[in-house]
Amino acid sequence: MAPYITKTRGERWRARVSAFAKGSKEAVQKTPHVAVELFQTAVKEAPVVVSRVKEDLTMFRELRAEKKRATAAKAEQTMDAAAEE
């Protein structure tokens, strides 16, 4: 609990990132073959990941556009109802 009282959010975040980097460096030094294998797998799978990200972005854009259309339609209906009164 003390870090939440004595440190700012930025200081806590910086400490977490630093600890993660230090742990990652130690892990790579102890098991370099795993790091090489991980990198090779990441390079090999990159096109699949890119295509999935593109699909997700397309779906996100479509959903956002639909929400905007629905909001605009709702606002128009509200204006029409107010004009009728």
C-alpha atoms as a PDB file:
ATOM      1  CA  MET A   1       0.000   0.000   0.000  1.00  0.00           C
ATOM      2  CA  ALA A   2       2.913   2.354   0.696  1.00  0.00           C
ATOM      3  CA  PRO A   3       3.846   2.863  -3.001  1.00  0.00           C
ATOM      4  CA  TYR A   4       0.355   4.181  -3.659  1.00  0.00           C
ATOM      5  CA  ILE A   5       0.796   6.765  -0.917  1.00  0.00           C
ATOM      6  CA  THR A   6       4.414   7.805  -1.387  1.00  0.00           C
ATOM      7  CA  LYS A   7       4.803   7.615  -5.190  1.00  0.00           C
ATOM      8  CA  THR A   8       3.030   9.332  -8.033  1.00  0.00           C
ATOM      9  CA  ARG A   9       1.335   7.335 -10.759  1.00  0.00           C
ATOM     10  CA  GLY A  10       4.240   8.066 -13.125  1.00  0.00           C
ATOM     11  CA  GLU A  11       6.801   6.873 -10.589  1.00  0.00           C
ATOM     12  CA  ARG A  12       4.888   3.627  -9.986  1.00  0.00           C
ATOM     13  CA  TRP A  13       4.534   3.050 -13.749  1.00  0.00           C
ATOM     14  CA  ARG A  14       8.222   3.735 -14.321  1.00  0.00           C
ATOM     15  CA  ALA A  15       9.161   1.287 -11.534  1.00  0.00           C
ATOM     16  CA  ARG A  16       6.958  -1.449 -13.046  1.00  0.00           C
ATOM     17  CA  VAL A  17       8.406  -0.974 -16.523  1.00  0.00           C
ATOM     18  CA  SER A  18      11.928  -0.944 -15.138  1.00  0.00           C
ATOM     19  CA  ALA A  19      11.330  -4.150 -13.164  1.00  0.00           C
ATOM     20  CA  PHE A  20       9.803  -5.820 -16.235  1.00  0.00           C
ATOM     21  CA  ALA A  21      12.772  -4.819 -18.399  1.00  0.00           C
ATOM     22  CA  LYS A  22      15.241  -6.044 -15.804  1.00  0.00           C
ATOM     23  CA  GLY A  23      13.425  -9.368 -15.466  1.00  0.00           C
ATOM     24  CA  SER A  24      13.234  -9.761 -19.236  1.00  0.00           C
ATOM     25  CA  LYS A  25      16.943  -9.051 -19.604  1.00  0.00           C
ATOM     26  CA  GLU A  26      17.804 -11.648 -16.965  1.00  0.00           C
ATOM     27  CA  ALA A  27      15.535 -14.217 -18.604  1.00  0.00           C
ATOM     28  CA  VAL A  28      17.133 -13.644 -22.010  1.00  0.00           C
ATOM     29  CA  GLN A  29      20.613 -13.945 -20.536  1.00  0.00           C
ATOM     30  CA  LYS A  30      19.709 -17.240 -18.840  1.00  0.00           C
ATOM     31  CA  THR A  31      17.892 -18.742 -21.821  1.00  0.00           C
ATOM     32  CA  PRO A  32      19.022 -17.099 -25.081  1.00  0.00           C
ATOM     33  CA  HIS A  33      17.654 -19.954 -27.197  1.00  0.00           C
ATOM     34  CA  VAL A  34      14.129 -19.166 -26.007  1.00  0.00           C
ATOM     35  CA  ALA A  35      14.529 -15.506 -26.976  1.00  0.00           C
ATOM     36  CA  VAL A  36      15.773 -16.436 -30.446  1.00  0.00           C
ATOM     37  CA  GLU A  37      12.912 -18.897 -30.916  1.00  0.00           C
ATOM     38  CA  LEU A  38      10.383 -16.304 -29.731  1.00  0.00           C
ATOM     39  CA  PHE A  39      11.741 -13.722 -32.162  1.00  0.00           C
ATOM     40  CA  GLN A  40      11.701 -16.170 -35.078  1.00  0.00           C
ATOM     41  CA  THR A  41       8.125 -17.164 -34.299  1.00  0.00           C
ATOM     42  CA  ALA A  42       7.085 -13.515 -34.090  1.00  0.00           C
ATOM     43  CA  VAL A  43       8.631 -12.771 -37.487  1.00  0.00           C
ATOM     44  CA  LYS A  44       6.981 -15.822 -39.039  1.00  0.00           C
ATOM     45  CA  GLU A  45       3.525 -14.996 -37.589  1.00  0.00           C
ATOM     46  CA  ALA A  46       3.668 -11.238 -38.289  1.00  0.00           C
ATOM     47  CA  PRO A  47       1.569 -11.354 -41.506  1.00  0.00           C
ATOM     48  CA  VAL A  48      -1.219 -13.233 -39.694  1.00  0.00           C
ATOM     49  CA  VAL A  49      -1.208 -10.723 -36.841  1.00  0.00           C
ATOM     50  CA  VAL A  50      -1.271  -7.800 -39.277  1.00  0.00           C
ATOM     51  CA  SER A  51      -4.271  -9.233 -41.117  1.00  0.00           C
ATOM     52  CA  ARG A  52      -6.139  -9.762 -37.839  1.00  0.00           C
ATOM     53  CA  VAL A  53      -5.404  -6.199 -36.743  1.00  0.00           C
ATOM     54  CA  LYS A  54      -6.681  -4.901 -40.101  1.00  0.00           C
ATOM     55  CA  GLU A  55      -9.900  -6.896 -39.675  1.00  0.00           C
ATOM     56  CA  ASP A  56     -10.346  -5.585 -36.141  1.00  0.00           C
ATOM     57  CA  LEU A  57      -9.815  -2.000 -37.282  1.00  0.00           C
ATOM     58  CA  THR A  58     -12.338  -2.424 -40.066  1.00  0.00           C
ATOM     59  CA  MET A  59     -14.929  -3.810 -37.655  1.00  0.00           C
ATOM     60  CA  PHE A  60     -14.200  -1.041 -35.151  1.00  0.00           C
ATOM     61  CA  ARG A  61     -14.667   1.642 -37.801  1.00  0.00           C
ATOM     62  CA  GLU A  62     -17.934   0.086 -38.950  1.00  0.00           C
ATOM     63  CA  LEU A  63     -19.272  -0.093 -35.394  1.00  0.00           C
ATOM     64  CA  ARG A  64     -18.238   3.478 -34.676  1.00  0.00           C
ATOM     65  CA  ALA A  65     -19.913   4.701 -37.870  1.00  0.00           C
ATOM     66  CA  GLU A  66     -23.097   2.806 -36.987  1.00  0.00           C
ATOM     67  CA  LYS A  67     -23.144   4.339 -33.496  1.00  0.00           C
ATOM     68  CA  LYS A  68     -22.732   7.810 -34.996  1.00  0.00           C
ATOM     69  CA  ARG A  69     -25.609   7.149 -37.406  1.00  0.00           C
ATOM     70  CA  ALA A  70     -27.811   5.899 -34.561  1.00  0.00           C
ATOM     71  CA  THR A  71     -26.977   8.924 -32.414  1.00  0.00           C
ATOM     72  CA  ALA A  72     -27.707  11.301 -35.281  1.00  0.00           C
ATOM     73  CA  ALA A  73     -31.013   9.564 -36.014  1.00  0.00           C
ATOM     74  CA  LYS A  74     -32.007   9.726 -32.352  1.00  0.00           C
ATOM     75  CA  ALA A  75     -31.140  13.431 -32.185  1.00  0.00           C
ATOM     76  CA  GLU A  76     -33.178  14.059 -35.336  1.00  0.00           C
ATOM     77  CA  GLN A  77     -36.186  12.240 -33.868  1.00  0.00           C
ATOM     78  CA  THR A  78     -35.890  14.305 -30.684  1.00  0.00           C
ATOM     79  CA  MET A  79     -35.807  17.521 -32.707  1.00  0.00           C
ATOM     80  CA  ASP A  80     -38.825  16.406 -34.739  1.00  0.00           C
ATOM     81  CA  ALA A  81     -40.755  15.561 -31.581  1.00  0.00           C
ATOM     82  CA  ALA A  82     -39.879  18.925 -30.041  1.00  0.00           C
ATOM     83  CA  ALA A  83     -40.943  20.746 -33.221  1.00  0.00           C
ATOM     84  CA  GLU A  84     -44.333  19.026 -33.193  1.00  0.00           C
ATOM     85  CA  GLU A  85     -45.128  20.295 -29.720  1.00  0.00           C
END
